[in-house]
């Protein structure tokens, strides 16, 4: 069984794990109304997804 000869230093361990840090969800904007929208979700302001009207949005 392979066993490391030396203990991995804190710096090496942290550098390796730094690539996997969670960066959060990137905000996207609706191309129709420019409202912030979560990725791959229907716009809650205008009800469009992929350039098509998916749900009826409430008109104020």
Protein backbone atom coordinates (compact mmCIF):
# COMPACT_ATOMS: atom_id res chain seq x y z
CA UNK A 1 0.00 0.00 0.00
CA UNK A 2 1.37 3.40 -0.93
CA UNK A 3 2.04 5.71 1.99
CA UNK A 4 3.33 9.28 1.70
CA UNK A 5 6.86 9.70 2.98
CA UNK A 6 6.22 13.13 4.49
CA UNK A 7 3.29 15.04 5.90
CA UNK A 8 1.69 17.41 3.39
CA UNK A 9 2.27 21.00 4.48
CA UNK A 10 -0.61 23.34 5.20
CA UNK A 11 0.33 25.55 2.27
CA UNK A 12 0.30 22.66 -0.22
CA UNK A 13 -3.01 21.40 1.14
CA UNK A 14 -4.63 24.83 0.98
CA UNK A 15 -3.38 25.47 -2.57
CA UNK A 16 -4.87 22.17 -3.71
CA UNK A 17 -8.24 22.88 -2.08
CA UNK A 18 -8.39 26.50 -3.30
CA UNK A 19 -9.55 25.40 -6.76
CA UNK A 20 -12.70 23.82 -5.32
CA UNK A 21 -13.93 26.77 -3.27
CA UNK A 22 -17.56 27.72 -3.78
CA UNK A 23 -17.86 31.00 -5.68
CA UNK A 24 -21.64 31.34 -5.45
CA UNK A 25 -24.27 31.57 -8.15
CA UNK A 26 -23.49 34.09 -10.85
CA UNK A 27 -26.27 36.59 -11.47
CA UNK A 28 -27.68 36.67 -14.98
CA UNK A 29 -30.08 39.19 -16.45
CA UNK A 30 -33.21 38.68 -18.50
CA UNK A 31 -32.64 39.73 -22.13
CA UNK A 32 -36.22 40.99 -22.34
CA UNK A 33 -36.59 43.17 -19.21
CA UNK A 34 -33.04 43.22 -17.72
CA UNK A 35 -34.27 41.95 -14.35
CA UNK A 36 -31.87 39.72 -12.37
CA UNK A 37 -32.69 36.04 -12.90
CA UNK A 38 -31.20 32.82 -11.50
CA UNK A 39 -29.55 30.69 -14.19
CA UNK A 40 -31.87 28.27 -16.03
CA UNK A 41 -35.00 29.74 -14.45
CA UNK A 42 -38.03 31.58 -15.81
CA UNK A 43 -37.90 35.35 -15.31
CA UNK A 44 -40.31 36.24 -12.52
CA UNK A 45 -40.73 39.79 -13.80
CA UNK A 46 -41.81 39.11 -17.39
CA UNK A 47 -42.36 35.31 -17.49
CA UNK A 48 -40.03 34.57 -20.40
CA UNK A 49 -37.47 31.79 -20.77
CA UNK A 50 -35.30 31.25 -23.84
CA UNK A 51 -37.00 34.07 -25.74
CA UNK A 52 -40.47 32.53 -25.35
CA UNK A 53 -43.37 33.50 -23.12
CA UNK A 54 -43.71 30.63 -20.63
CA UNK A 55 -45.97 31.98 -17.89
CA UNK A 56 -48.31 34.93 -17.73
CA UNK A 57 -46.70 37.71 -15.70
CA UNK A 58 -48.78 39.96 -13.47
CA UNK A 59 -49.23 43.42 -14.97
CA UNK A 60 -49.08 46.32 -12.47
